[in-house]
């Protein structure tokens, strides 16, 4: 058996998230079926992050064990051949040590959330960015985001279905900036709670609209109460950008 580290790009709009489902399409299932077509045996593909239904990735990382000792670039190209009918691309494949684990060895995960604040509907980026029909103040949003940096109890921004043992997480980066016609929110941490970024994004959007103040965000955080969270942002604009590992 040879273990491979895969770097993956995908449009999550057609799937019910990363994780394999009994009766719904998933990213994990599609890649496992491609591995079976390439290797002759269906393996388990382990992802670094279980993205939700509709969430995209530009740099998801996974690992898989294949029976045949295929050259890494051939694994990349072979999987892409069998994924031709899916909006999923293997960007890179590397042979790694048998001890490598895509999820448990990860030291950071970086996400991007894209917002476009315009009234006209989307023609090209529908399903890939959150459109809000009112102008947002990105500077005020960035100021409010600063209060969420560091180690906190993020119960307010935690989905009720979250399976994490603790609501305490450390946000290493959380920035908001205007990039052309869009507003980009970047978030980096070792790990996140279920729907934490979408919950924070929805709250920061209300700040940008003038419906909530920076103090209101801190009050919501301090409440440690899910009902204090603003409406959760949709999955459309969320991308897993990169997964970090120790050298």
C-alpha atoms as a PDB file:
ATOM      1  CA  UNK A   1       0.000   0.000   0.000  1.00  0.00           C
ATOM      2  CA  UNK A   2       1.183   3.519  -0.807  1.00  0.00           C
ATOM      3  CA  UNK A   3      -0.220   6.637   0.855  1.00  0.00           C
ATOM      4  CA  UNK A   4      -0.819   9.757  -1.220  1.00  0.00           C
ATOM      5  CA  UNK A   5      -1.505  13.308  -0.132  1.00  0.00           C
ATOM      6  CA  UNK A   6      -4.015  14.957  -2.467  1.00  0.00           C
ATOM      7  CA  UNK A   7      -4.647  18.679  -2.913  1.00  0.00           C
ATOM      8  CA  UNK A   8      -8.142  19.190  -4.263  1.00  0.00           C
ATOM      9  CA  UNK A   9     -10.240  21.929  -5.854  1.00  0.00           C
ATOM     10  CA  UNK A  10     -14.010  21.631  -6.169  1.00  0.00           C
ATOM     11  CA  UNK A  11     -17.297  23.397  -6.667  1.00  0.00           C
ATOM     12  CA  UNK A  12     -19.462  22.145  -3.836  1.00  0.00           C
ATOM     13  CA  UNK A  13     -22.762  23.352  -5.257  1.00  0.00           C
ATOM     14  CA  UNK A  14     -23.736  19.930  -6.631  1.00  0.00           C
ATOM     15  CA  UNK A  15     -22.853  17.970  -3.489  1.00  0.00           C
ATOM     16  CA  UNK A  16     -24.145  17.427   0.002  1.00  0.00           C
ATOM     17  CA  UNK A  17     -20.788  18.322   1.490  1.00  0.00           C
ATOM     18  CA  UNK A  18     -17.477  16.506   1.704  1.00  0.00           C
ATOM     19  CA  UNK A  19     -18.550  13.559   3.823  1.00  0.00           C
ATOM     20  CA  UNK A  20     -19.944  10.394   2.246  1.00  0.00           C
ATOM     21  CA  UNK A  21     -23.755  10.163   2.414  1.00  0.00           C
ATOM     22  CA  UNK A  22     -26.045   7.148   2.188  1.00  0.00           C
ATOM     23  CA  UNK A  23     -28.248   8.499  -0.583  1.00  0.00           C
ATOM     24  CA  UNK A  24     -26.806  11.867  -1.636  1.00  0.00           C
ATOM     25  CA  UNK A  25     -23.716  12.756  -3.720  1.00  0.00           C
ATOM     26  CA  UNK A  26     -20.608  13.888  -1.848  1.00  0.00           C
ATOM     27  CA  UNK A  27     -17.068  14.947  -2.713  1.00  0.00           C
ATOM     28  CA  UNK A  28     -15.563  12.071  -0.723  1.00  0.00           C
ATOM     29  CA  UNK A  29     -17.677   9.488  -2.548  1.00  0.00           C
ATOM     30  CA  UNK A  30     -16.773  10.854  -5.997  1.00  0.00           C
ATOM     31  CA  UNK A  31     -13.038  10.703  -5.249  1.00  0.00           C
ATOM     32  CA  UNK A  32     -13.296   7.230  -3.720  1.00  0.00           C
ATOM     33  CA  UNK A  33     -15.051   5.975  -6.848  1.00  0.00           C
ATOM     34  CA  UNK A  34     -12.305   7.522  -8.999  1.00  0.00           C
ATOM     35  CA  UNK A  35      -9.694   5.787  -6.824  1.00  0.00           C
ATOM     36  CA  UNK A  36     -11.483   2.469  -7.299  1.00  0.00           C
ATOM     37  CA  UNK A  37     -11.535   2.934 -11.071  1.00  0.00           C
ATOM     38  CA  UNK A  38      -7.809   3.711 -11.012  1.00  0.00           C
ATOM     39  CA  UNK A  39      -6.622   1.178  -8.436  1.00  0.00           C
ATOM     40  CA  UNK A  40      -9.146  -1.654  -8.590  1.00  0.00           C
ATOM     41  CA  UNK A  41     -10.093  -1.413  -4.916  1.00  0.00           C
ATOM     42  CA  UNK A  42     -12.321   1.125  -3.199  1.00  0.00           C
ATOM     43  CA  UNK A  43     -10.392   2.905  -0.424  1.00  0.00           C
ATOM     44  CA  UNK A  44     -11.410   5.463   2.181  1.00  0.00           C
ATOM     45  CA  UNK A  45     -10.351   9.033   1.384  1.00  0.00           C
ATOM     46  CA  UNK A  46      -9.679  11.098   4.525  1.00  0.00           C
ATOM     47  CA  UNK A  47     -10.183  14.860   4.171  1.00  0.00           C
ATOM     48  CA  UNK A  48      -8.633  17.623   6.260  1.00  0.00           C
ATOM     49  CA  UNK A  49     -11.986  19.357   6.625  1.00  0.00           C
ATOM     50  CA  UNK A  50     -15.599  18.262   6.250  1.00  0.00           C
ATOM     51  CA  UNK A  51     -16.985  21.113   4.195  1.00  0.00           C
ATOM     52  CA  UNK A  52     -20.764  21.549   4.282  1.00  0.00           C
ATOM     53  CA  UNK A  53     -23.222  21.204   1.442  1.00  0.00           C
ATOM     54  CA  UNK A  54     -22.604  23.955  -1.110  1.00  0.00           C
ATOM     55  CA  UNK A  55     -19.180  24.961   0.251  1.00  0.00           C
ATOM     56  CA  UNK A  56     -16.278  25.068  -2.202  1.00  0.00           C
ATOM     57  CA  UNK A  57     -12.545  24.385  -1.981  1.00  0.00           C
ATOM     58  CA  UNK A  58      -9.453  25.744  -3.668  1.00  0.00           C
ATOM     59  CA  UNK A  59      -7.034  23.827  -1.488  1.00  0.00           C
ATOM     60  CA  UNK A  60      -8.684  20.941   0.342  1.00  0.00           C
ATOM     61  CA  UNK A  61      -6.218  18.244   1.412  1.00  0.00           C
ATOM     62  CA  UNK A  62      -6.912  14.525   1.732  1.00  0.00           C
ATOM     63  CA  UNK A  63      -4.975  11.293   1.949  1.00  0.00           C
ATOM     64  CA  UNK A  64      -5.651   7.880   0.493  1.00  0.00           C
ATOM     65  CA  UNK A  65      -3.931   4.492   0.462  1.00  0.00           C
ATOM     66  CA  UNK A  66      -3.707   2.760  -2.924  1.00  0.00           C
ATOM     67  CA  UNK A  67      -2.694  -0.842  -3.557  1.00  0.00           C
ATOM     68  CA  UNK A  68      -0.699  -0.161  -6.694  1.00  0.00           C
ATOM     69  CA  UNK A  69       2.522   1.824  -6.323  1.00  0.00           C
ATOM     70  CA  UNK A  70       1.602   4.340  -9.001  1.00  0.00           C
ATOM     71  CA  UNK A  71       3.807   7.365  -9.641  1.00  0.00           C
ATOM     72  CA  UNK A  72       2.324  10.439  -7.939  1.00  0.00           C
ATOM     73  CA  UNK A  73       1.775  12.454 -11.114  1.00  0.00           C
ATOM     74  CA  UNK A  74       0.035   9.437 -12.662  1.00  0.00           C
ATOM     75  CA  UNK A  75      -2.280   9.272  -9.650  1.00  0.00           C
ATOM     76  CA  UNK A  76      -3.149  12.946 -10.138  1.00  0.00           C
ATOM     77  CA  UNK A  77      -3.806  12.543 -13.851  1.00  0.00           C
ATOM     78  CA  UNK A  78      -5.602   9.209 -13.477  1.00  0.00           C
ATOM     79  CA  UNK A  79      -7.984  10.508 -10.832  1.00  0.00           C
ATOM     80  CA  UNK A  80      -8.719  13.608 -12.903  1.00  0.00           C
ATOM     81  CA  UNK A  81      -9.532  11.357 -15.867  1.00  0.00           C
ATOM     82  CA  UNK A  82     -12.092   9.447 -13.794  1.00  0.00           C
ATOM     83  CA  UNK A  83     -13.447  12.706 -12.298  1.00  0.00           C
ATOM     84  CA  UNK A  84     -14.002  14.252 -15.729  1.00  0.00           C
ATOM     85  CA  UNK A  85     -17.766  14.470 -15.206  1.00  0.00           C
ATOM     86  CA  UNK A  86     -17.409  16.088 -11.785  1.00  0.00           C
ATOM     87  CA  UNK A  87     -16.485  19.694 -10.876  1.00  0.00           C
ATOM     88  CA  UNK A  88     -13.630  18.224  -8.826  1.00  0.00           C
ATOM     89  CA  UNK A  89      -9.938  18.497  -9.715  1.00  0.00           C
ATOM     90  CA  UNK A  90      -6.897  16.897  -8.099  1.00  0.00           C
ATOM     91  CA  UNK A  91      -4.364  19.734  -8.228  1.00  0.00           C
ATOM     92  CA  UNK A  92      -1.487  17.712  -6.811  1.00  0.00           C
ATOM     93  CA  UNK A  93      -0.633  14.223  -5.545  1.00  0.00           C
ATOM     94  CA  UNK A  94       2.404  13.369  -3.430  1.00  0.00           C
ATOM     95  CA  UNK A  95       3.654  10.117  -1.932  1.00  0.00           C
ATOM     96  CA  UNK A  96       3.826  10.534   1.838  1.00  0.00           C
ATOM     97  CA  UNK A  97       4.792   8.536   4.883  1.00  0.00           C
ATOM     98  CA  UNK A  98       2.258   6.002   6.141  1.00  0.00           C
ATOM     99  CA  UNK A  99       1.951   8.028   9.357  1.00  0.00           C
ATOM    100  CA  UNK A 100       0.666  11.138   7.574  1.00  0.00           C
ATOM    101  CA  UNK A 101      -2.974  11.980   8.296  1.00  0.00           C
ATOM    102  CA  UNK A 102      -4.667  14.773   6.374  1.00  0.00           C
ATOM    103  CA  UNK A 103      -6.994  15.704   9.233  1.00  0.00           C
ATOM    104  CA  UNK A 104      -5.093  15.050  12.439  1.00  0.00           C
ATOM    105  CA  UNK A 105      -1.722  16.375  11.235  1.00  0.00           C
ATOM    106  CA  UNK A 106      -3.150  19.677  10.015  1.00  0.00           C
ATOM    107  CA  UNK A 107      -1.872  22.708  11.946  1.00  0.00           C
ATOM    108  CA  UNK A 108      -4.109  25.316  10.301  1.00  0.00           C
ATOM    109  CA  UNK A 109      -7.055  25.785   7.992  1.00  0.00           C
ATOM    110  CA  UNK A 110      -7.624  28.957   6.004  1.00  0.00           C
ATOM    111  CA  UNK A 111     -11.002  29.949   4.600  1.00  0.00           C
ATOM    112  CA  UNK A 112     -12.231  32.715   2.318  1.00  0.00           C
ATOM    113  CA  UNK A 113     -15.760  34.076   2.271  1.00  0.00           C
ATOM    114  CA  UNK A 114     -16.779  36.153  -0.757  1.00  0.00           C
ATOM    115  CA  UNK A 115     -19.533  38.758  -0.583  1.00  0.00           C
ATOM    116  CA  UNK A 116     -20.679  41.034  -3.388  1.00  0.00           C
ATOM    117  CA  UNK A 117     -22.794  44.006  -2.323  1.00  0.00           C
ATOM    118  CA  UNK A 118     -24.780  44.971  -5.405  1.00  0.00           C
ATOM    119  CA  UNK A 119     -28.444  45.151  -6.294  1.00  0.00           C
ATOM    120  CA  UNK A 120     -28.324  43.456  -9.757  1.00  0.00           C
ATOM    121  CA  UNK A 121     -28.520  39.663  -9.698  1.00  0.00           C
ATOM    122  CA  UNK A 122     -25.516  37.482 -10.468  1.00  0.00           C
ATOM    123  CA  UNK A 123     -25.076  36.173 -13.998  1.00  0.00           C
ATOM    124  CA  UNK A 124     -21.686  34.437 -13.752  1.00  0.00           C
ATOM    125  CA  UNK A 125     -20.948  33.789 -10.073  1.00  0.00           C
ATOM    126  CA  UNK A 126     -24.314  32.495  -8.920  1.00  0.00           C
ATOM    127  CA  UNK A 127     -23.715  29.884  -6.223  1.00  0.00           C
ATOM    128  CA  UNK A 128     -20.107  31.014  -5.715  1.00  0.00           C
ATOM    129  CA  UNK A 129     -20.553  34.308  -3.872  1.00  0.00           C
ATOM    130  CA  UNK A 130     -23.103  35.758  -1.432  1.00  0.00           C
ATOM    131  CA  UNK A 131     -24.928  38.667  -3.030  1.00  0.00           C
ATOM    132  CA  UNK A 132     -26.340  41.334  -0.754  1.00  0.00           C
ATOM    133  CA  UNK A 133     -28.387  44.091  -2.446  1.00  0.00           C
ATOM    134  CA  UNK A 134     -27.113  46.856  -0.128  1.00  0.00           C
ATOM    135  CA  UNK A 135     -23.682  48.453   0.230  1.00  0.00           C
ATOM    136  CA  UNK A 136     -21.541  47.270   3.136  1.00  0.00           C
ATOM    137  CA  UNK A 137     -18.872  49.155   5.054  1.00  0.00           C
ATOM    138  CA  UNK A 138     -15.894  46.778   4.934  1.00  0.00           C
ATOM    139  CA  UNK A 139     -13.775  48.949   7.257  1.00  0.00           C
ATOM    140  CA  UNK A 140     -16.344  48.815  10.047  1.00  0.00           C
ATOM    141  CA  UNK A 141     -16.709  45.075   9.506  1.00  0.00           C
ATOM    142  CA  UNK A 142     -12.936  44.641   9.809  1.00  0.00           C
ATOM    143  CA  UNK A 143     -12.888  46.649  13.045  1.00  0.00           C
ATOM    144  CA  UNK A 144     -15.657  44.496  14.528  1.00  0.00           C
ATOM    145  CA  UNK A 145     -13.891  41.305  13.403  1.00  0.00           C
ATOM    146  CA  UNK A 146     -10.826  42.257  15.441  1.00  0.00           C
ATOM    147  CA  UNK A 147     -12.682  41.597  18.676  1.00  0.00           C
ATOM    148  CA  UNK A 148     -13.150  37.943  17.725  1.00  0.00           C
ATOM    149  CA  UNK A 149      -9.441  37.249  17.312  1.00  0.00           C
ATOM    150  CA  UNK A 150      -7.760  34.986  19.826  1.00  0.00           C
ATOM    151  CA  UNK A 151      -9.121  32.315  22.142  1.00  0.00           C
ATOM    152  CA  UNK A 152     -12.824  32.509  23.006  1.00  0.00           C
ATOM    153  CA  UNK A 153     -15.882  30.481  23.804  1.00  0.00           C
ATOM    154  CA  UNK A 154     -17.657  30.650  20.432  1.00  0.00           C
ATOM    155  CA  UNK A 155     -20.936  29.046  21.525  1.00  0.00           C
ATOM    156  CA  UNK A 156     -22.877  31.926  19.941  1.00  0.00           C
ATOM    157  CA  UNK A 157     -21.300  31.149  16.565  1.00  0.00           C
ATOM    158  CA  UNK A 158     -21.607  27.375  16.862  1.00  0.00           C
ATOM    159  CA  UNK A 159     -24.256  25.348  15.049  1.00  0.00           C
ATOM    160  CA  UNK A 160     -26.513  23.298  17.322  1.00  0.00           C
ATOM    161  CA  UNK A 161     -25.495  20.148  15.431  1.00  0.00           C
ATOM    162  CA  UNK A 162     -21.776  20.766  16.060  1.00  0.00           C
ATOM    163  CA  UNK A 163     -20.005  17.632  17.311  1.00  0.00           C
ATOM    164  CA  UNK A 164     -16.893  19.376  18.658  1.00  0.00           C
ATOM    165  CA  UNK A 165     -16.154  18.509  22.280  1.00  0.00           C
ATOM    166  CA  UNK A 166     -15.595  22.159  23.216  1.00  0.00           C
ATOM    167  CA  UNK A 167     -16.879  25.541  21.951  1.00  0.00           C
ATOM    168  CA  UNK A 168     -13.494  27.094  22.719  1.00  0.00           C
ATOM    169  CA  UNK A 169     -11.442  27.890  19.620  1.00  0.00           C
ATOM    170  CA  UNK A 170      -8.575  30.227  18.751  1.00  0.00           C
ATOM    171  CA  UNK A 171      -8.934  32.464  15.723  1.00  0.00           C
ATOM    172  CA  UNK A 172      -5.444  33.306  14.465  1.00  0.00           C
ATOM    173  CA  UNK A 173      -6.608  35.538  11.612  1.00  0.00           C
ATOM    174  CA  UNK A 174      -9.895  37.254  10.767  1.00  0.00           C
ATOM    175  CA  UNK A 175      -9.765  40.070   8.245  1.00  0.00           C
ATOM    176  CA  UNK A 176     -12.306  41.911   6.131  1.00  0.00           C
ATOM    177  CA  UNK A 177     -11.295  43.865   3.055  1.00  0.00           C
ATOM    178  CA  UNK A 178     -12.826  45.192  -0.122  1.00  0.00           C
ATOM    179  CA  UNK A 179     -11.345  43.623  -3.254  1.00  0.00           C
ATOM    180  CA  UNK A 180     -12.744  45.297  -6.332  1.00  0.00           C
ATOM    181  CA  UNK A 181     -16.497  44.808  -6.347  1.00  0.00           C
ATOM    182  CA  UNK A 182     -16.337  42.188  -3.597  1.00  0.00           C
ATOM    183  CA  UNK A 183     -15.739  41.997   0.139  1.00  0.00           C
ATOM    184  CA  UNK A 184     -13.452  39.180   1.222  1.00  0.00           C
ATOM    185  CA  UNK A 185     -13.358  37.706   4.717  1.00  0.00           C
ATOM    186  CA  UNK A 186     -10.295  35.595   5.505  1.00  0.00           C
ATOM    187  CA  UNK A 187     -10.250  33.334   8.559  1.00  0.00           C
ATOM    188  CA  UNK A 188      -7.450  31.107   9.823  1.00  0.00           C
ATOM    189  CA  UNK A 189      -7.361  28.737  12.795  1.00  0.00           C
ATOM    190  CA  UNK A 190      -6.180  25.265  13.668  1.00  0.00           C
ATOM    191  CA  UNK A 191      -9.797  24.143  13.514  1.00  0.00           C
ATOM    192  CA  UNK A 192     -13.297  25.599  13.425  1.00  0.00           C
ATOM    193  CA  UNK A 193     -16.688  24.791  14.901  1.00  0.00           C
ATOM    194  CA  UNK A 194     -19.501  23.662  12.628  1.00  0.00           C
ATOM    195  CA  UNK A 195     -20.698  26.688  10.621  1.00  0.00           C
ATOM    196  CA  UNK A 196     -18.550  29.019  12.734  1.00  0.00           C
ATOM    197  CA  UNK A 197     -17.314  31.059   9.764  1.00  0.00           C
ATOM    198  CA  UNK A 198     -20.753  31.368   8.188  1.00  0.00           C
ATOM    199  CA  UNK A 199     -22.168  32.428  11.550  1.00  0.00           C
ATOM    200  CA  UNK A 200     -19.489  35.064  12.029  1.00  0.00           C
ATOM    201  CA  UNK A 201     -19.909  36.245   8.435  1.00  0.00           C
ATOM    202  CA  UNK A 202     -23.647  36.727   8.875  1.00  0.00           C
ATOM    203  CA  UNK A 203     -23.037  38.793  12.002  1.00  0.00           C
ATOM    204  CA  UNK A 204     -20.311  40.914  10.382  1.00  0.00           C
ATOM    205  CA  UNK A 205     -22.609  41.547   7.401  1.00  0.00           C
ATOM    206  CA  UNK A 206     -25.126  43.117   9.775  1.00  0.00           C
ATOM    207  CA  UNK A 207     -22.334  45.348  11.066  1.00  0.00           C
ATOM    208  CA  UNK A 208     -21.562  46.373   7.492  1.00  0.00           C
ATOM    209  CA  UNK A 209     -25.232  47.216   6.927  1.00  0.00           C
ATOM    210  CA  UNK A 210     -25.356  49.346  10.066  1.00  0.00           C
ATOM    211  CA  UNK A 211     -27.735  47.007  11.873  1.00  0.00           C
ATOM    212  CA  UNK A 212     -25.172  46.009  14.498  1.00  0.00           C
ATOM    213  CA  UNK A 213     -22.200  47.684  16.151  1.00  0.00           C
ATOM    214  CA  UNK A 214     -18.775  46.305  17.019  1.00  0.00           C
ATOM    215  CA  UNK A 215     -19.903  46.327  20.651  1.00  0.00           C
ATOM    216  CA  UNK A 216     -22.956  44.339  19.628  1.00  0.00           C
ATOM    217  CA  UNK A 217     -20.679  41.663  18.173  1.00  0.00           C
ATOM    218  CA  UNK A 218     -18.742  41.456  21.431  1.00  0.00           C
ATOM    219  CA  UNK A 219     -21.986  41.305  23.399  1.00  0.00           C
ATOM    220  CA  UNK A 220     -23.134  38.425  21.190  1.00  0.00           C
ATOM    221  CA  UNK A 221     -19.834  36.598  21.753  1.00  0.00           C
ATOM    222  CA  UNK A 222     -20.038  37.151  25.522  1.00  0.00           C
ATOM    223  CA  UNK A 223     -23.623  35.863  25.607  1.00  0.00           C
ATOM    224  CA  UNK A 224     -22.449  32.351  24.698  1.00  0.00           C
ATOM    225  CA  UNK A 225     -25.954  31.817  23.353  1.00  0.00           C
ATOM    226  CA  UNK A 226     -26.761  30.616  19.835  1.00  0.00           C
ATOM    227  CA  UNK A 227     -29.868  32.840  19.749  1.00  0.00           C
ATOM    228  CA  UNK A 228     -27.591  35.905  19.946  1.00  0.00           C
ATOM    229  CA  UNK A 229     -26.121  35.073  16.525  1.00  0.00           C
ATOM    230  CA  UNK A 230     -27.311  36.980  13.464  1.00  0.00           C
ATOM    231  CA  UNK A 231     -28.740  35.043  10.487  1.00  0.00           C
ATOM    232  CA  UNK A 232     -26.125  32.594   9.188  1.00  0.00           C
ATOM    233  CA  UNK A 233     -24.546  33.395   5.820  1.00  0.00           C
ATOM    234  CA  UNK A 234     -25.283  30.896   3.008  1.00  0.00           C
ATOM    235  CA  UNK A 235     -22.649  28.352   1.924  1.00  0.00           C
ATOM    236  CA  UNK A 236     -22.292  29.859  -1.566  1.00  0.00           C
ATOM    237  CA  UNK A 237     -19.414  32.227  -0.794  1.00  0.00           C
ATOM    238  CA  UNK A 238     -17.320  29.961   1.438  1.00  0.00           C
ATOM    239  CA  UNK A 239     -14.067  28.380   0.212  1.00  0.00           C
ATOM    240  CA  UNK A 240     -11.523  26.195   1.972  1.00  0.00           C
ATOM    241  CA  UNK A 241      -8.393  27.892   0.681  1.00  0.00           C
ATOM    242  CA  UNK A 242      -5.526  26.011   2.267  1.00  0.00           C
ATOM    243  CA  UNK A 243      -4.548  23.471   4.924  1.00  0.00           C
ATOM    244  CA  UNK A 244      -1.254  23.945   6.734  1.00  0.00           C
ATOM    245  CA  UNK A 245       1.160  21.259   7.958  1.00  0.00           C
ATOM    246  CA  UNK A 246       4.478  21.298   9.745  1.00  0.00           C
ATOM    247  CA  UNK A 247       7.459  21.002   7.416  1.00  0.00           C
END
